[in-house]
Protein backbone atom coordinates (compact mmCIF):
# COMPACT_ATOMS: atom_id res chain seq x y z
CA HIS A 1 -14.66 14.13 -2.37
CA ARG A 2 -13.53 12.04 -5.84
CA PRO A 3 -12.06 8.88 -5.11
CA LEU A 4 -8.09 8.56 -6.14
CA LEU A 5 -5.53 6.27 -6.49
CA ARG A 6 -1.89 7.29 -4.76
CA LEU A 7 1.14 5.36 -5.81
CA ASP A 8 4.30 5.97 -3.94
CA GLY A 9 7.41 4.17 -5.36
CA PRO A 10 11.25 4.78 -5.78
CA SER A 11 10.87 7.47 -8.34
CA GLY A 12 8.37 9.43 -6.64
CA SER A 13 4.63 9.44 -6.15
CA TRP A 14 1.43 10.33 -8.24
CA ASP A 15 -1.97 10.52 -8.11
CA GLN A 16 -4.97 9.06 -10.35
CA PRO A 17 -8.42 10.13 -9.89
CA LEU A 18 -10.65 7.25 -10.49
CA THR A 19 -14.37 6.41 -11.52
CA PRO A 20 -16.70 5.37 -9.01
CA ARG A 21 -17.03 1.95 -10.64
CA HIS A 22 -13.08 1.84 -10.62
CA ALA A 23 -12.85 2.66 -7.08
CA GLU A 24 -15.22 0.06 -5.91
CA ILE A 25 -13.27 -2.78 -7.70
CA LEU A 26 -9.64 -1.53 -6.43
CA TYR A 27 -11.41 -1.02 -3.07
CA LEU A 28 -12.59 -4.61 -3.04
CA LEU A 29 -9.10 -5.96 -4.32
CA ALA A 30 -7.72 -4.10 -1.20
CA ARG A 31 -10.10 -5.62 0.91
CA HIS A 32 -9.01 -9.12 -0.41
CA PRO A 33 -5.60 -9.11 -0.74
CA ARG A 34 -5.42 -12.69 -2.01
CA GLY A 35 -7.34 -11.70 -4.79
CA ARG A 36 -10.85 -12.19 -6.38
CA SER A 37 -12.03 -14.04 -9.57
CA ALA A 38 -14.24 -12.20 -12.24
CA ALA A 39 -17.20 -13.98 -10.70
CA GLU A 40 -16.50 -12.93 -7.36
CA LEU A 41 -16.16 -9.13 -8.01
CA ALA A 42 -19.43 -9.63 -10.23
CA ALA A 43 -21.07 -10.79 -7.41
CA ASP A 44 -19.58 -8.17 -5.09
CA LEU A 45 -20.38 -5.27 -7.43
CA PHE A 46 -23.66 -6.15 -8.85
CA GLY A 47 -24.87 -9.37 -6.83
CA ASP A 48 -24.85 -11.37 -9.55
CA ALA A 49 -21.74 -13.68 -10.41
CA GLU A 50 -22.58 -14.09 -14.27
CA ARG A 51 -21.81 -10.71 -15.16
CA THR A 52 -18.14 -11.67 -15.77
CA VAL A 53 -17.69 -10.10 -19.06
CA THR A 54 -18.25 -6.53 -17.64
CA ILE A 55 -15.76 -7.29 -14.88
CA ARG A 56 -13.27 -8.02 -17.26
CA ALA A 57 -13.46 -4.98 -19.48
CA GLU A 58 -13.27 -3.21 -16.61
CA MET A 59 -10.09 -5.13 -15.25
CA SER A 60 -8.84 -4.46 -18.56
CA ARG A 61 -9.16 -0.95 -18.51
CA LEU A 62 -7.76 -0.64 -15.14
CA ARG A 63 -4.67 -3.10 -15.76
CA ARG A 64 -4.11 -0.72 -18.76
CA HIS A 65 -3.88 2.28 -16.63
CA PHE A 66 -1.91 0.36 -13.71
CA ALA A 67 0.30 -2.12 -15.01
CA GLY A 68 2.58 -3.91 -12.97
CA VAL A 69 0.55 -2.70 -9.61
CA LEU A 70 -2.66 -5.31 -10.80
CA ALA A 71 -2.39 -9.01 -11.36
CA HIS A 72 -5.21 -11.36 -12.99
CA ARG A 73 -6.18 -14.84 -12.10
CA PRO A 74 -7.34 -13.67 -9.49
CA TYR A 75 -7.19 -9.90 -10.16
CA ARG A 76 -5.45 -8.70 -7.28
CA PHE A 77 -2.86 -5.98 -6.21
CA THR A 78 0.93 -6.88 -6.50
CA VAL A 79 1.60 -4.11 -4.33
CA GLU A 80 1.03 -3.09 -0.81
CA VAL A 81 -1.79 -1.18 -0.43
CA GLN A 82 -2.99 0.93 2.16
CA VAL A 83 -6.89 2.55 2.41
CA LEU A 84 -7.64 5.75 3.50
CA LEU A 85 -11.08 6.56 4.57
CA PRO A 86 -12.73 9.97 4.89
CA ASP A 87 -13.17 11.48 8.39
CA ASP A 88 -16.65 10.07 8.73
CA GLY A 89 -15.20 6.30 7.78
CA VAL A 90 -17.61 5.62 5.14
CA ALA A 91 -15.77 4.25 1.75
CA LEU A 92 -17.53 4.89 -1.14
CA PRO A 93 -20.78 6.37 0.24
CA GLY A 94 -22.82 6.54 -2.67
CA SER A 95 -22.06 2.82 -3.76
CA VAL A 96 -24.93 0.44 -4.01
CA ALA A 97 -22.63 -2.56 -4.80
CA PRO A 98 -23.44 -5.55 -2.46
CA GLY A 99 -19.87 -6.47 -1.95
CA LEU A 100 -19.38 -2.44 -0.38
CA ARG A 101 -22.51 -2.57 2.06
């Protein structure tokens, strides 16, 4: 199944399919409600805290799609988040990101 983000609000709800990388980032942010720095996300995703340029680029793309839902300094959700896992309970089984294993 392809990961997706469902947003529910006063004006209705909508679903947004996610790339695997964006799903990883959003899942990590959901697991860390106080937020993550670019270095922390880089370590979570790549095992290398120096890859902050990649994280900043991905977060810029995500924040363009989800303005008002994602904040920065640190990166975090600005809304209540609920993660729904598949029946087997494994989030993003194809991921090799250290922070997800």
